C-alpha atoms as a PDB file:
ATOM      1  CA  MET A   1      17.861  -9.713 -12.708  1.00  0.00           C
ATOM      2  CA  ARG A   2      17.965  -7.874  -9.360  1.00  0.00           C
ATOM      3  CA  LYS A   3      14.513  -6.978  -8.124  1.00  0.00           C
ATOM      4  CA  SER A   4      13.613  -3.402  -7.205  1.00  0.00           C
ATOM      5  CA  PHE A   5      12.045  -3.768  -3.769  1.00  0.00           C
ATOM      6  CA  VAL A   6       9.439  -1.409  -2.369  1.00  0.00           C
ATOM      7  CA  ASP A   7       8.129  -0.808   1.145  1.00  0.00           C
ATOM      8  CA  LEU A   8       4.874   0.957   0.420  1.00  0.00           C
ATOM      9  CA  HIS A   9       3.811   1.465   4.037  1.00  0.00           C
ATOM     10  CA  LEU A  10       6.051   3.399   6.396  1.00  0.00           C
ATOM     11  CA  ARG A  11       4.156   5.182   9.180  1.00  0.00           C
ATOM     12  CA  PRO A  12       6.501   7.559  11.014  1.00  0.00           C
ATOM     13  CA  PRO A  13       5.069  10.593  12.837  1.00  0.00           C
ATOM     14  CA  ILE A  14       5.439  13.075   9.995  1.00  0.00           C
ATOM     15  CA  ASP A  15       5.776  16.024  12.370  1.00  0.00           C
ATOM     16  CA  GLN A  16       8.883  14.459  13.976  1.00  0.00           C
ATOM     17  CA  ILE A  17      11.462  14.822  11.241  1.00  0.00           C
ATOM     18  CA  ASN A  18      14.243  12.971  13.083  1.00  0.00           C
ATOM     19  CA  ARG A  19      12.070   9.864  13.450  1.00  0.00           C
ATOM     20  CA  VAL A  20      11.034  10.144   9.820  1.00  0.00           C
ATOM     21  CA  LYS A  21      14.644  10.374   8.708  1.00  0.00           C
ATOM     22  CA  GLY A  22      15.639   7.449  10.921  1.00  0.00           C
ATOM     23  CA  LEU A  23      13.018   5.215   9.314  1.00  0.00           C
ATOM     24  CA  ILE A  24      13.933   6.298   5.793  1.00  0.00           C
ATOM     25  CA  ASP A  25      17.652   5.827   6.506  1.00  0.00           C
ATOM     26  CA  LYS A  26      16.990   2.279   7.689  1.00  0.00           C
ATOM     27  CA  ALA A  27      14.889   1.447   4.625  1.00  0.00           C
ATOM     28  CA  ALA A  28      17.698   2.611   2.338  1.00  0.00           C
ATOM     29  CA  GLU A  29      20.256   0.643   4.361  1.00  0.00           C
ATOM     30  CA  LEU A  30      18.181  -2.546   4.050  1.00  0.00           C
ATOM     31  CA  GLY A  31      18.068  -2.341   0.263  1.00  0.00           C
ATOM     32  CA  TYR A  32      14.731  -0.836  -0.672  1.00  0.00           C
ATOM     33  CA  SER A  33      14.605   1.336  -3.767  1.00  0.00           C
ATOM     34  CA  ALA A  34      11.264   3.027  -3.046  1.00  0.00           C
ATOM     35  CA  VAL A  35       9.225   3.849   0.041  1.00  0.00           C
ATOM     36  CA  GLY A  36       5.654   4.975   0.585  1.00  0.00           C
ATOM     37  CA  LEU A  37       5.124   7.308   3.527  1.00  0.00           C
ATOM     38  CA  THR A  38       1.684   7.725   5.063  1.00  0.00           C
ATOM     39  CA  LEU A  39       0.790  11.415   5.029  1.00  0.00           C
ATOM     40  CA  PRO A  40      -2.074  13.313   6.677  1.00  0.00           C
ATOM     41  CA  ILE A  41      -4.870  14.339   4.310  1.00  0.00           C
ATOM     42  CA  GLY A  42      -3.983  17.998   4.841  1.00  0.00           C
ATOM     43  CA  ALA A  43      -0.240  17.575   4.301  1.00  0.00           C
ATOM     44  CA  LYS A  44       1.431  20.818   3.246  1.00  0.00           C
ATOM     45  CA  LYS A  45       3.253  20.897  -0.064  1.00  0.00           C
ATOM     46  CA  GLU A  46       6.451  22.218   1.529  1.00  0.00           C
ATOM     47  CA  ASP A  47       6.474  19.358   4.061  1.00  0.00           C
ATOM     48  CA  VAL A  48       5.982  16.800   1.301  1.00  0.00           C
ATOM     49  CA  GLU A  49       8.848  18.291  -0.683  1.00  0.00           C
ATOM     50  CA  LYS A  50      11.075  18.134   2.405  1.00  0.00           C
ATOM     51  CA  LEU A  51      10.387  14.409   2.681  1.00  0.00           C
ATOM     52  CA  ARG A  52      10.998  13.958  -1.028  1.00  0.00           C
ATOM     53  CA  LYS A  53      14.397  15.633  -0.682  1.00  0.00           C
ATOM     54  CA  ILE A  54      15.383  13.369   2.212  1.00  0.00           C
ATOM     55  CA  CYS A  55      14.519  10.312   0.114  1.00  0.00           C
ATOM     56  CA  GLU A  56      16.306  11.611  -2.972  1.00  0.00           C
ATOM     57  CA  ASN A  57      19.481  12.212  -0.971  1.00  0.00           C
ATOM     58  CA  LEU A  58      19.417   8.530  -0.002  1.00  0.00           C
ATOM     59  CA  GLY A  59      18.663   7.329  -3.527  1.00  0.00           C
ATOM     60  CA  LEU A  60      15.078   6.374  -2.683  1.00  0.00           C
ATOM     61  CA  ASP A  61      11.985   6.901  -4.798  1.00  0.00           C
ATOM     62  CA  PHE A  62       9.480   8.708  -2.558  1.00  0.00           C
ATOM     63  CA  VAL A  63       5.822   7.713  -2.932  1.00  0.00           C
ATOM     64  CA  THR A  64       3.059   9.812  -1.373  1.00  0.00           C
ATOM     65  CA  ARG A  65       0.362   7.825   0.372  1.00  0.00           C
ATOM     66  CA  VAL A  66      -2.738   8.359   2.490  1.00  0.00           C
ATOM     67  CA  ASP A  67      -4.463   5.813   4.741  1.00  0.00           C
ATOM     68  CA  LEU A  68      -8.225   6.224   5.039  1.00  0.00           C
ATOM     69  CA  THR A  69     -10.441   4.757   7.770  1.00  0.00           C
ATOM     70  CA  PRO A  70     -13.942   5.812   6.695  1.00  0.00           C
ATOM     71  CA  LYS A  71     -16.922   4.906   8.859  1.00  0.00           C
ATOM     72  CA  THR A  72     -19.366   4.469   5.959  1.00  0.00           C
ATOM     73  CA  SER A  73     -19.277   3.996   2.198  1.00  0.00           C
ATOM     74  CA  LYS A  74     -20.716   7.502   1.749  1.00  0.00           C
ATOM     75  CA  ASN A  75     -17.945   8.916   3.923  1.00  0.00           C
ATOM     76  CA  LEU A  76     -15.393   7.112   1.745  1.00  0.00           C
ATOM     77  CA  LEU A  77     -16.878   8.544  -1.457  1.00  0.00           C
ATOM     78  CA  ASN A  78     -16.821  12.074  -0.053  1.00  0.00           C
ATOM     79  CA  ILE A  79     -13.164  11.779   0.917  1.00  0.00           C
ATOM     80  CA  LEU A  80     -12.139  10.235  -2.407  1.00  0.00           C
ATOM     81  CA  ASN A  81     -13.800  13.060  -4.322  1.00  0.00           C
ATOM     82  CA  LYS A  82     -11.598  15.533  -2.462  1.00  0.00           C
ATOM     83  CA  ILE A  83      -8.201  13.818  -2.461  1.00  0.00           C
ATOM     84  CA  ARG A  84      -7.784  11.479  -5.431  1.00  0.00           C
ATOM     85  CA  ARG A  85      -5.266  13.654  -7.266  1.00  0.00           C
ATOM     86  CA  LYS A  86      -3.348  14.671  -4.139  1.00  0.00           C
ATOM     87  CA  PHE A  87      -1.692  11.317  -3.413  1.00  0.00           C
ATOM     88  CA  GLU A  88       0.001   8.627  -5.493  1.00  0.00           C
ATOM     89  CA  ILE A  89      -1.355   5.808  -3.331  1.00  0.00           C
ATOM     90  CA  ILE A  90      -4.716   5.607  -1.576  1.00  0.00           C
ATOM     91  CA  ALA A  91      -5.203   2.849   0.966  1.00  0.00           C
ATOM     92  CA  VAL A  92      -8.472   2.095   2.715  1.00  0.00           C
ATOM     93  CA  HIS A  93      -8.863   0.187   5.954  1.00  0.00           C
ATOM     94  CA  CYS A  94     -12.162  -1.636   5.619  1.00  0.00           C
ATOM     95  CA  ASN A  95     -13.808  -1.548   9.032  1.00  0.00           C
ATOM     96  CA  THR A  96     -17.322  -2.329   7.787  1.00  0.00           C
ATOM     97  CA  LYS A  97     -18.813  -4.513   5.069  1.00  0.00           C
ATOM     98  CA  GLY A  98     -20.190  -1.465   3.257  1.00  0.00           C
ATOM     99  CA  VAL A  99     -16.810   0.258   3.201  1.00  0.00           C
ATOM    100  CA  ALA A 100     -15.148  -2.965   2.024  1.00  0.00           C
ATOM    101  CA  ILE A 101     -17.510  -3.309  -0.945  1.00  0.00           C
ATOM    102  CA  GLN A 102     -17.266   0.357  -1.929  1.00  0.00           C
ATOM    103  CA  ALA A 103     -13.480   0.397  -1.658  1.00  0.00           C
ATOM    104  CA  ALA A 104     -13.121  -2.811  -3.668  1.00  0.00           C
ATOM    105  CA  LYS A 105     -15.216  -1.507  -6.558  1.00  0.00           C
ATOM    106  CA  ASP A 106     -13.787   2.032  -6.700  1.00  0.00           C
ATOM    107  CA  ARG A 107     -10.894   2.472  -9.137  1.00  0.00           C
ATOM    108  CA  ARG A 108      -9.576   5.371  -7.075  1.00  0.00           C
ATOM    109  CA  VAL A 109      -8.644   2.975  -4.267  1.00  0.00           C
ATOM    110  CA  ASP A 110      -5.304   1.223  -4.689  1.00  0.00           C
ATOM    111  CA  LEU A 111      -4.852  -0.835  -1.533  1.00  0.00           C
ATOM    112  CA  LEU A 112      -7.339  -2.623   0.682  1.00  0.00           C
ATOM    113  CA  SER A 113      -6.519  -3.561   4.262  1.00  0.00           C
ATOM    114  CA  PHE A 114      -8.629  -5.538   6.697  1.00  0.00           C
ATOM    115  CA  SER A 115      -8.769  -6.281  10.393  1.00  0.00           C
ATOM    116  CA  SER A 116      -5.929  -8.550  11.463  1.00  0.00           C
ATOM    117  CA  SER A 117      -7.161  -8.998  15.027  1.00  0.00           C
ATOM    118  CA  SER A 118     -10.690 -10.326  14.542  1.00  0.00           C
ATOM    119  CA  LEU A 119     -11.914 -12.823  11.971  1.00  0.00           C
ATOM    120  CA  ARG A 120     -15.474 -11.627  12.596  1.00  0.00           C
ATOM    121  CA  ARG A 121     -14.512  -8.079  11.618  1.00  0.00           C
ATOM    122  CA  ASN A 122     -12.390  -9.153   8.681  1.00  0.00           C
ATOM    123  CA  PHE A 123     -14.569  -8.274   5.707  1.00  0.00           C
ATOM    124  CA  PHE A 124     -12.485  -9.737   2.880  1.00  0.00           C
ATOM    125  CA  SER A 125     -14.521 -12.423   1.152  1.00  0.00           C
ATOM    126  CA  ALA A 126     -15.211 -13.696  -2.353  1.00  0.00           C
ATOM    127  CA  SER A 127     -17.513 -10.757  -3.167  1.00  0.00           C
ATOM    128  CA  GLU A 128     -14.864  -8.128  -2.296  1.00  0.00           C
ATOM    129  CA  ALA A 129     -12.186 -10.161  -4.060  1.00  0.00           C
ATOM    130  CA  ARG A 130     -14.173 -10.313  -7.315  1.00  0.00           C
ATOM    131  CA  LEU A 131     -14.683  -6.547  -7.273  1.00  0.00           C
ATOM    132  CA  ALA A 132     -11.051  -5.846  -6.417  1.00  0.00           C
ATOM    133  CA  SER A 133      -9.843  -8.112  -9.208  1.00  0.00           C
ATOM    134  CA  GLU A 134     -12.059  -6.312 -11.738  1.00  0.00           C
ATOM    135  CA  LYS A 135     -10.895  -2.844 -10.610  1.00  0.00           C
ATOM    136  CA  ASN A 136      -7.196  -3.710 -10.173  1.00  0.00           C
ATOM    137  CA  SER A 137      -7.182  -3.007  -6.434  1.00  0.00           C
ATOM    138  CA  ALA A 138      -4.648  -4.898  -4.335  1.00  0.00           C
ATOM    139  CA  ILE A 139      -4.809  -6.300  -0.839  1.00  0.00           C
ATOM    140  CA  GLU A 140      -2.027  -5.143   1.452  1.00  0.00           C
ATOM    141  CA  VAL A 141      -0.412  -7.334   4.104  1.00  0.00           C
ATOM    142  CA  ASP A 142       1.611  -5.531   6.783  1.00  0.00           C
ATOM    143  CA  MET A 143       4.478  -7.680   8.029  1.00  0.00           C
ATOM    144  CA  SER A 144       5.606  -5.906  11.202  1.00  0.00           C
ATOM    145  CA  PRO A 145       2.808  -7.356  13.409  1.00  0.00           C
ATOM    146  CA  LEU A 146       4.244 -10.812  12.691  1.00  0.00           C
ATOM    147  CA  LEU A 147       7.420  -9.615  14.421  1.00  0.00           C
ATOM    148  CA  TYR A 148       6.053  -7.996  17.567  1.00  0.00           C
ATOM    149  CA  LEU A 149       2.985 -10.113  18.333  1.00  0.00           C
ATOM    150  CA  GLU A 150       3.348 -13.282  20.410  1.00  0.00           C
ATOM    151  CA  GLY A 151       1.241 -16.225  21.493  1.00  0.00           C
ATOM    152  CA  THR A 152      -2.482 -16.291  20.718  1.00  0.00           C
ATOM    153  CA  PRO A 153      -2.619 -12.856  18.991  1.00  0.00           C
ATOM    154  CA  ARG A 154       0.137 -13.952  16.588  1.00  0.00           C
ATOM    155  CA  ILE A 155      -1.618 -17.250  15.827  1.00  0.00           C
ATOM    156  CA  ARG A 156      -4.885 -15.388  15.227  1.00  0.00           C
ATOM    157  CA  LEU A 157      -3.110 -12.937  12.920  1.00  0.00           C
ATOM    158  CA  MET A 158      -1.531 -15.716  10.854  1.00  0.00           C
ATOM    159  CA  ASN A 159      -4.885 -17.480  10.462  1.00  0.00           C
ATOM    160  CA  ILE A 160      -6.560 -14.294   9.238  1.00  0.00           C
ATOM    161  CA  LEU A 161      -3.737 -13.457   6.839  1.00  0.00           C
ATOM    162  CA  ARG A 162      -3.679 -16.997   5.440  1.00  0.00           C
ATOM    163  CA  LYS A 163      -7.421 -16.737   4.772  1.00  0.00           C
ATOM    164  CA  ASN A 164      -7.045 -13.379   3.022  1.00  0.00           C
ATOM    165  CA  VAL A 165      -4.062 -14.498   0.958  1.00  0.00           C
ATOM    166  CA  SER A 166      -5.890 -17.679  -0.081  1.00  0.00           C
ATOM    167  CA  ILE A 167      -8.933 -15.697  -1.263  1.00  0.00           C
ATOM    168  CA  ALA A 168      -6.742 -13.150  -3.067  1.00  0.00           C
ATOM    169  CA  LYS A 169      -4.875 -15.880  -4.944  1.00  0.00           C
ATOM    170  CA  LYS A 170      -8.123 -17.636  -5.902  1.00  0.00           C
ATOM    171  CA  PHE A 171      -9.532 -14.469  -7.510  1.00  0.00           C
ATOM    172  CA  ASP A 172      -6.232 -13.088  -8.873  1.00  0.00           C
ATOM    173  CA  VAL A 173      -6.226 -10.069  -6.578  1.00  0.00           C
ATOM    174  CA  PRO A 174      -2.723  -8.532  -6.468  1.00  0.00           C
ATOM    175  CA  ILE A 175      -0.993  -8.861  -3.104  1.00  0.00           C
ATOM    176  CA  VAL A 176       1.354  -6.201  -1.725  1.00  0.00           C
ATOM    177  CA  LEU A 177       3.641  -6.954   1.201  1.00  0.00           C
ATOM    178  CA  SER A 178       4.638  -3.912   3.248  1.00  0.00           C
ATOM    179  CA  SER A 179       6.170  -3.396   6.653  1.00  0.00           C
ATOM    180  CA  GLY A 180       3.505  -1.104   8.121  1.00  0.00           C
ATOM    181  CA  SER A 181       6.282   0.028  10.426  1.00  0.00           C
ATOM    182  CA  ASP A 182       6.598   3.237  12.434  1.00  0.00           C
ATOM    183  CA  SER A 183      10.004   2.337  13.875  1.00  0.00           C
ATOM    184  CA  PRO A 184      13.365   1.309  12.348  1.00  0.00           C
ATOM    185  CA  HIS A 185      13.747  -1.706  14.649  1.00  0.00           C
ATOM    186  CA  LEU A 186      10.700  -3.328  13.011  1.00  0.00           C
ATOM    187  CA  LEU A 187      12.105  -3.029   9.501  1.00  0.00           C
ATOM    188  CA  ARG A 188      13.671  -6.070   7.858  1.00  0.00           C
ATOM    189  CA  LYS A 189      15.361  -6.788   4.539  1.00  0.00           C
ATOM    190  CA  PRO A 190      12.976  -7.551   1.665  1.00  0.00           C
ATOM    191  CA  GLU A 191      14.350 -11.090   1.511  1.00  0.00           C
ATOM    192  CA  ASP A 192      13.543 -11.588   5.198  1.00  0.00           C
ATOM    193  CA  TYR A 193       9.953 -10.522   4.659  1.00  0.00           C
ATOM    194  CA  ALA A 194       9.751 -12.812   1.641  1.00  0.00           C
ATOM    195  CA  PHE A 195      10.755 -15.826   3.738  1.00  0.00           C
ATOM    196  CA  LEU A 196       8.435 -14.738   6.577  1.00  0.00           C
ATOM    197  CA  ALA A 197       5.523 -14.584   4.121  1.00  0.00           C
ATOM    198  CA  TYR A 198       5.614 -18.389   3.968  1.00  0.00           C
ATOM    199  CA  LEU A 199       3.732 -18.251   7.277  1.00  0.00           C
ATOM    200  CA  VAL A 200       0.744 -16.623   5.556  1.00  0.00           C
ATOM    201  CA  GLY A 201       0.659 -18.819   2.466  1.00  0.00           C
ATOM    202  CA  LEU A 202       2.989 -17.187  -0.056  1.00  0.00           C
ATOM    203  CA  ASP A 203       5.836 -19.064  -1.687  1.00  0.00           C
ATOM    204  CA  LEU A 204       9.154 -17.290  -2.158  1.00  0.00           C
ATOM    205  CA  TYR A 205       8.513 -16.214  -5.761  1.00  0.00           C
ATOM    206  CA  ALA A 206       5.039 -14.813  -5.019  1.00  0.00           C
ATOM    207  CA  ALA A 207       6.340 -13.019  -1.931  1.00  0.00           C
ATOM    208  CA  LYS A 208       9.127 -11.319  -3.872  1.00  0.00           C
ATOM    209  CA  GLN A 209       6.600 -10.241  -6.505  1.00  0.00           C
ATOM    210  CA  ALA A 210       4.465  -8.776  -3.717  1.00  0.00           C
ATOM    211  CA  LEU A 211       7.489  -6.752  -2.584  1.00  0.00           C
ATOM    212  CA  SER A 212       8.575  -5.585  -6.025  1.00  0.00           C
ATOM    213  CA  SER A 213       6.544  -5.757  -9.230  1.00  0.00           C
ATOM    214  CA  SER A 214       3.106  -5.568  -7.577  1.00  0.00           C
ATOM    215  CA  PRO A 215       3.703  -2.259  -5.751  1.00  0.00           C
ATOM    216  CA  ARG A 216       5.784  -0.940  -8.663  1.00  0.00           C
ATOM    217  CA  ASP A 217       2.903  -1.571 -11.081  1.00  0.00           C
ATOM    218  CA  ILE A 218       0.546   0.428  -8.855  1.00  0.00           C
ATOM    219  CA  ILE A 219       2.996   3.327  -8.585  1.00  0.00           C
ATOM    220  CA  LYS A 220       3.587   3.400 -12.338  1.00  0.00           C
ATOM    221  CA  ARG A 221      -0.122   3.239 -13.150  1.00  0.00           C
ATOM    222  CA  ASN A 222      -1.027   6.030 -10.761  1.00  0.00           C
ATOM    223  CA  ARG A 223       1.766   8.329 -11.842  1.00  0.00           C
ATOM    224  CA  LYS A 224       0.449   8.055 -15.380  1.00  0.00           C
ATOM    225  CA  LYS A 225      -3.041   8.917 -14.121  1.00  0.00           C
ATOM    226  CA  LEU A 226      -1.727  11.935 -12.232  1.00  0.00           C
ATOM    227  CA  SER A 227       0.191  13.270 -15.221  1.00  0.00           C
ATOM    228  CA  SER A 228      -1.152  16.171 -17.278  1.00  0.00           C
ATOM    229  CA  ASN A 229      -1.505  13.805 -20.254  1.00  0.00           C
ATOM    230  CA  TYR A 230      -4.111  11.632 -18.569  1.00  0.00           C
ATOM    231  CA  VAL A 231      -7.633  12.078 -19.980  1.00  0.00           C
ATOM    232  CA  HIS A 232      -9.636   8.996 -19.029  1.00  0.00           C
ATOM    233  CA  PRO A 233      -8.897   5.331 -18.224  1.00  0.00           C
ATOM    234  CA  GLY A 234      -7.017   4.077 -21.287  1.00  0.00           C
ATOM    235  CA  VAL A 235      -6.904   7.529 -22.929  1.00  0.00           C
ATOM    236  CA  TYR A 236      -3.751   9.671 -22.846  1.00  0.00           C
ATOM    237  CA  VAL A 237      -2.493  12.676 -24.781  1.00  0.00           C
ATOM    238  CA  ILE A 238       0.362  11.467 -27.002  1.00  0.00           C
ATOM    239  CA  GLU A 239       1.311  14.777 -28.579  1.00  0.00           C
ATOM    240  CA  ARG A 240       0.378  18.421 -28.131  1.00  0.00           C
ATOM    241  CA  GLY A 241       0.673  21.174 -30.692  1.00  0.00           C
ATOM    242  CA  GLU A 242      -1.130  23.233 -33.296  1.00  0.00           C
ATOM    243  CA  ASP A 243      -1.092  20.364 -35.802  1.00  0.00           C
ATOM    244  CA  CYS A 244      -2.769  17.881 -33.418  1.00  0.00           C
END
């Protein structure tokens, strides 16, 4: 069966519509069926709908996403309280140990990302992995840095990503592969990313899952939560009416 591939992390400058369209066009051309675009927290509804229309015209499923870089765990909680129902995907870059722990244990956070330039500032360990596994959070691996980095920085990146992938697999934390790209020339076919993921410790089957079913499961779960029928985790309205 043909897999439905997703690039959950496109980062074009949202205020430059031609660059946005160029990136979306390229994603459609390369065979993706859904794309997640990083939006500013204060994104206007009319701007979001404009992006949705562009994606629909290309046959792409448009997924709204926000990337958070909180300084403290309290800062993260404050932001989450304000935005949870505004975006389909919430990703948190974990710059401190406190933020990493809070993000991993908060069900409102979908994707965790960690420093790829410094092992000392990479806060993904067994404790975060256990929490993430319990709360169904996933770790996200951006692939585009593997394309543009060279020499020592690229070797350092691969070592960090291998460590994170190894920990995620040990604790059954879902892994999502994304491009993390802000430019069409850094985009590649899903199959190319799947082969490239061998460098960070994923076999071909696991890599394709990380590009298809893993992000799709998150999208599906969150769209159910954002529907008017959602009441509480595991509780949904099945039928409405006077006889209910």
